[in-house]
Amino acid sequence: MTADSRVAPGTPTRTRQPRADAADTREALLSSGARLIARHGLGVPVTQIQDAAAQRNKSAVRYHFGSVLELALAVTARHGQQVDARRAVALDVFHERYAPPGTDDGRPHAELAVIVDLLVSPAAEELHTAQGRDYLRLLPQVSHLAQVRSGAPAAPPAVVRTLALLRDHLDRSGVSDIDERLALAVQMHAAVMADRARRIDEGADGEPAAEVHGGERKIAPDHDGFVRLVTGMLARALGAG
């Protein structure tokens, strides 16, 4: 080692700049993708998503997700897990409060609207955050595509349990075409949630911008009234003769 190659004590050494954290990049793409797809659909340009996420790499979306659709499905899977966790808790409370169908153990049997609320209320909680509203707005855009994709994930466990409760209740009530009714109810549920999310983000159509509380626009009916309205609407549609 020559004298010139020695480093004097206390001399600061030059270190490499760390690479951008891949997890941070993925999170930025998820956030920007959810926001843009929710508003502009699956046809939103990849470059627009990457620009919004401050990514110079032109293949960032392809590298982390494969496509815009796969990115959207990743958003729905993440939020879907959160919603399903809330629904699982609600199901536990439901089973403590109501008697199983066909039994009589002193507890009441649940009315159809009570079971439908297990579908509605956990999802409606997503309306309280901007990220949750993005999820609700893009969900109808990808749900039908996810069902026909090879290897598409199955419905979350608590959704399966809720639909089983609905199917059993309708069957015991003598309702026909149960599978078709449930499929339509799920689609209607997704559509009205997406519309509510849009109206909170943008203000009600034809009305002045709604009042904002903590970043959330307040529109009529209020949150609890909306949940009751949707629950009643779906229950009546499912149970109609």
Protein backbone atom coordinates (compact mmCIF):
# COMPACT_ATOMS: atom_id res chain seq x y z
CA MET A 1 0.00 0.00 0.00
CA THR A 2 1.41 3.36 -0.98
CA ALA A 3 1.26 6.50 1.10
CA ASP A 4 -1.18 8.02 -1.35
CA SER A 5 -3.59 5.11 -0.92
CA ARG A 6 -3.81 5.41 2.83
CA VAL A 7 -6.81 7.12 4.43
CA ALA A 8 -5.96 9.44 7.25
CA PRO A 9 -7.79 8.83 10.52
CA GLY A 10 -11.01 10.83 10.74
CA THR A 11 -11.26 11.33 7.00
CA PRO A 12 -14.91 10.83 5.92
CA THR A 13 -15.35 7.91 3.54
CA ARG A 14 -17.62 8.03 0.52
CA THR A 15 -20.49 5.52 0.61
CA ARG A 16 -22.83 4.41 -2.13
CA GLN A 17 -26.29 5.91 -2.21
CA PRO A 18 -28.73 3.17 -1.29
CA ARG A 19 -31.10 1.98 -3.96
CA ALA A 20 -34.72 3.02 -3.70
CA ASP A 21 -36.47 0.57 -1.45
CA ALA A 22 -38.49 -1.83 -3.59
CA ALA A 23 -41.22 -1.94 -0.96
CA ASP A 24 -41.55 1.86 -1.05
CA THR A 25 -41.76 1.79 -4.83
CA ARG A 26 -44.49 -0.84 -4.71
CA GLU A 27 -46.45 1.17 -2.15
CA ALA A 28 -46.19 4.32 -4.25
CA LEU A 29 -47.43 2.46 -7.33
CA LEU A 30 -50.31 0.92 -5.38
CA SER A 31 -51.39 4.32 -4.10
CA SER A 32 -51.12 6.18 -7.41
CA GLY A 33 -52.58 3.25 -9.35
CA ALA A 34 -55.61 2.94 -7.08
CA ARG A 35 -56.33 6.66 -7.30
CA LEU A 36 -56.00 6.87 -11.09
CA ILE A 37 -57.74 3.60 -11.97
CA ALA A 38 -60.61 4.50 -9.64
CA ARG A 39 -61.16 7.71 -11.57
CA HIS A 40 -60.17 6.83 -15.13
CA GLY A 41 -60.57 3.07 -15.42
CA LEU A 42 -58.22 0.28 -16.37
CA GLY A 43 -57.27 2.11 -19.56
CA VAL A 44 -55.25 4.70 -17.65
CA PRO A 45 -51.75 4.87 -19.18
CA VAL A 46 -49.02 3.06 -17.29
CA THR A 47 -46.80 6.12 -17.67
CA GLN A 48 -49.37 8.24 -15.85
CA ILE A 49 -49.37 5.83 -12.89
CA GLN A 50 -45.58 5.80 -12.80
CA ASP A 51 -45.33 9.58 -13.06
CA ALA A 52 -47.81 10.01 -10.20
CA ALA A 53 -45.69 7.61 -8.14
CA ALA A 54 -42.53 9.63 -9.01
CA GLN A 55 -40.99 6.62 -10.77
CA ARG A 56 -38.58 7.27 -13.63
CA ASN A 57 -38.27 3.58 -14.46
CA LYS A 58 -40.55 3.04 -17.44
CA SER A 59 -41.03 -0.62 -16.54
CA ALA A 60 -41.85 -0.11 -12.85
CA VAL A 61 -45.46 -1.30 -13.09
CA ARG A 62 -44.49 -4.27 -15.25
CA TYR A 63 -41.67 -5.21 -12.88
CA HIS A 64 -43.72 -5.04 -9.67
CA PHE A 65 -47.15 -6.15 -10.93
CA GLY A 66 -47.07 -7.22 -14.56
CA SER A 67 -49.93 -5.01 -15.78
CA VAL A 68 -52.41 -2.33 -14.72
CA LEU A 69 -55.02 -5.02 -14.09
CA GLU A 70 -52.67 -6.93 -11.82
CA LEU A 71 -51.93 -3.71 -9.94
CA ALA A 72 -55.67 -3.10 -9.50
CA LEU A 73 -56.17 -6.66 -8.28
CA ALA A 74 -53.37 -6.17 -5.75
CA VAL A 75 -55.20 -3.09 -4.41
CA THR A 76 -58.50 -4.95 -4.14
CA ALA A 77 -56.85 -7.95 -2.50
CA ARG A 78 -55.20 -5.80 0.17
CA HIS A 79 -58.32 -3.82 1.06
CA GLY A 80 -60.47 -6.90 0.65
CA GLN A 81 -58.49 -8.60 3.39
CA GLN A 82 -59.07 -5.63 5.69
CA VAL A 83 -62.80 -5.65 4.98
CA ASP A 84 -63.00 -9.40 5.43
CA ALA A 85 -61.28 -9.17 8.80
CA ARG A 86 -63.98 -6.76 9.97
CA ARG A 87 -66.65 -9.01 8.51
CA ALA A 88 -65.23 -12.01 10.37
CA VAL A 89 -65.54 -10.12 13.67
CA ALA A 90 -69.12 -9.17 12.80
CA LEU A 91 -69.88 -12.82 12.01
CA ASP A 92 -68.59 -13.89 15.41
CA VAL A 93 -70.92 -11.39 17.08
CA PHE A 94 -73.76 -12.54 14.86
CA HIS A 95 -73.33 -16.19 15.85
CA GLU A 96 -73.27 -15.26 19.54
CA ARG A 97 -76.50 -13.26 19.21
CA TYR A 98 -78.66 -15.39 16.91
CA ALA A 99 -79.76 -19.02 16.93
CA PRO A 100 -78.54 -21.23 14.09
CA PRO A 101 -81.15 -21.85 11.38
CA GLY A 102 -83.47 -24.72 12.20
CA THR A 103 -82.69 -24.69 15.92
CA ASP A 104 -84.41 -23.22 18.97
CA ASP A 105 -82.01 -22.44 21.80
CA GLY A 106 -83.80 -19.41 23.19
CA ARG A 107 -82.08 -16.89 20.97
CA PRO A 108 -83.90 -15.15 18.12
CA HIS A 109 -83.42 -16.12 14.50
CA ALA A 110 -81.87 -13.44 12.32
CA GLU A 111 -84.01 -11.59 9.84
CA LEU A 112 -82.74 -11.32 6.28
CA ALA A 113 -81.69 -7.67 6.68
CA VAL A 114 -79.47 -8.58 9.63
CA ILE A 115 -77.56 -11.04 7.48
CA VAL A 116 -77.35 -8.60 4.57
CA ASP A 117 -75.83 -6.04 6.93
CA LEU A 118 -72.88 -8.42 7.37
CA LEU A 119 -72.17 -7.78 3.70
CA VAL A 120 -72.79 -4.04 3.74
CA SER A 121 -71.44 -2.55 6.98
CA PRO A 122 -67.85 -3.88 6.87
CA ALA A 123 -67.40 -2.63 3.30
CA ALA A 124 -69.00 0.73 4.09
CA GLU A 125 -66.24 1.45 6.61
CA GLU A 126 -63.91 1.95 3.64
CA LEU A 127 -65.87 5.10 2.78
CA HIS A 128 -64.18 6.93 5.66
CA THR A 129 -60.71 7.10 4.04
CA ALA A 130 -59.47 8.29 0.65
CA GLN A 131 -57.65 5.00 0.10
CA GLY A 132 -60.75 3.04 1.01
CA ARG A 133 -62.86 5.06 -1.40
CA ASP A 134 -60.34 4.41 -4.18
CA TYR A 135 -60.72 0.70 -3.47
CA LEU A 136 -64.52 0.86 -3.59
CA ARG A 137 -64.48 2.86 -6.83
CA LEU A 138 -62.19 0.47 -8.68
CA LEU A 139 -63.69 -2.76 -7.29
CA PRO A 140 -66.58 -2.99 -9.79
CA GLN A 141 -64.10 -2.47 -12.62
CA VAL A 142 -62.09 -5.56 -11.80
CA SER A 143 -64.46 -7.92 -9.98
CA HIS A 144 -65.94 -9.48 -13.14
CA LEU A 145 -62.49 -9.71 -14.76
CA ALA A 146 -61.01 -11.36 -11.69
CA GLN A 147 -63.68 -14.07 -11.83
CA VAL A 148 -62.67 -15.16 -15.33
CA ARG A 149 -58.90 -14.91 -14.86
CA SER A 150 -57.00 -18.16 -14.66
CA GLY A 151 -55.86 -18.62 -11.07
CA ALA A 152 -57.97 -15.73 -9.75
CA PRO A 153 -58.21 -15.76 -5.96
CA ALA A 154 -61.32 -17.21 -4.38
CA ALA A 155 -63.77 -15.03 -2.49
CA PRO A 156 -62.52 -14.05 0.98
CA PRO A 157 -63.53 -16.52 3.74
CA ALA A 158 -65.94 -14.21 5.58
CA VAL A 159 -67.69 -13.35 2.32
CA VAL A 160 -68.16 -17.06 1.67
CA ARG A 161 -69.60 -17.50 5.16
CA THR A 162 -71.96 -14.56 4.72
CA LEU A 163 -73.20 -15.77 1.34
CA ALA A 164 -73.77 -19.23 2.86
CA LEU A 165 -75.94 -17.66 5.56
CA LEU A 166 -77.90 -15.74 2.94
CA ARG A 167 -78.31 -18.82 0.75
CA ASP A 168 -79.57 -20.89 3.69
CA HIS A 169 -82.03 -18.17 4.76
CA LEU A 170 -83.40 -17.78 1.23
CA ASP A 171 -83.66 -21.52 0.75
CA ARG A 172 -85.65 -21.91 3.98
CA SER A 173 -87.90 -19.07 2.85
CA GLY A 174 -88.71 -20.89 -0.40
CA VAL A 175 -87.02 -18.33 -2.64
CA SER A 176 -86.10 -19.53 -6.13
CA ASP A 177 -83.11 -18.61 -8.31
CA ILE A 178 -80.96 -18.10 -5.23
CA ASP A 179 -77.57 -18.09 -6.95
CA GLU A 180 -78.73 -15.53 -9.50
CA ARG A 181 -80.19 -13.33 -6.77
CA LEU A 182 -76.98 -13.46 -4.74
CA ALA A 183 -74.83 -12.65 -7.77
CA LEU A 184 -76.99 -9.63 -8.60
CA ALA A 185 -77.00 -8.51 -4.96
CA VAL A 186 -73.19 -8.60 -4.84
CA GLN A 187 -72.99 -6.58 -8.06
CA MET A 188 -75.55 -4.04 -6.82
CA HIS A 189 -73.67 -3.75 -3.53
CA ALA A 190 -70.39 -3.01 -5.32
CA ALA A 191 -72.05 -0.48 -7.63
CA VAL A 192 -73.76 1.56 -4.91
CA MET A 193 -70.61 1.56 -2.76
CA ALA A 194 -68.57 2.83 -5.70
CA ASP A 195 -71.11 5.56 -6.41
CA ARG A 196 -71.19 6.65 -2.78
CA ALA A 197 -67.38 6.81 -2.75
CA ARG A 198 -67.38 8.95 -5.90
CA ARG A 199 -69.99 11.31 -4.49
CA ILE A 200 -68.01 11.76 -1.28
CA ASP A 201 -64.88 12.51 -3.31
CA GLU A 202 -66.56 14.88 -5.75
CA GLY A 203 -69.70 16.15 -4.01
CA ALA A 204 -73.26 15.12 -4.86
CA ASP A 205 -74.27 15.58 -8.49
CA GLY A 206 -76.01 18.88 -9.14
CA GLU A 207 -75.34 20.18 -5.63
CA PRO A 208 -72.74 22.58 -4.22
CA ALA A 209 -69.57 20.96 -2.96
CA ALA A 210 -70.45 19.10 0.20
CA GLU A 211 -69.10 20.18 3.56
CA VAL A 212 -65.77 18.59 4.44
CA HIS A 213 -65.02 17.09 7.85
CA GLY A 214 -61.55 15.63 8.32
CA GLY A 215 -61.07 15.26 4.58
CA GLU A 216 -64.41 13.49 4.05
CA ARG A 217 -67.28 15.27 2.32
CA LYS A 218 -70.58 14.84 4.09
CA ILE A 219 -73.46 14.01 1.77
CA ALA A 220 -77.02 12.90 2.37
CA PRO A 221 -77.98 10.49 3.72
CA ASP A 222 -75.38 10.31 6.47
CA HIS A 223 -73.23 7.20 6.78
CA ASP A 224 -75.55 5.24 9.06
CA GLY A 225 -78.56 6.21 6.97
CA PHE A 226 -76.77 5.07 3.82
CA VAL A 227 -75.94 1.68 5.36
CA ARG A 228 -79.55 1.19 6.42
CA LEU A 229 -80.79 2.22 2.97
CA VAL A 230 -78.49 -0.18 1.10
CA THR A 231 -79.15 -3.02 3.55
CA GLY A 232 -82.91 -2.61 3.22
CA MET A 233 -82.75 -2.32 -0.56
CA LEU A 234 -80.70 -5.50 -0.94
CA ALA A 235 -82.79 -7.43 1.57
CA ARG A 236 -85.99 -6.52 -0.27
CA ALA A 237 -84.45 -7.46 -3.63
CA LEU A 238 -83.20 -10.81 -2.34
CA GLY A 239 -86.43 -11.74 -0.61
CA ALA A 240 -88.88 -10.52 -3.22
CA GLY A 241 -91.34 -13.13 -4.49
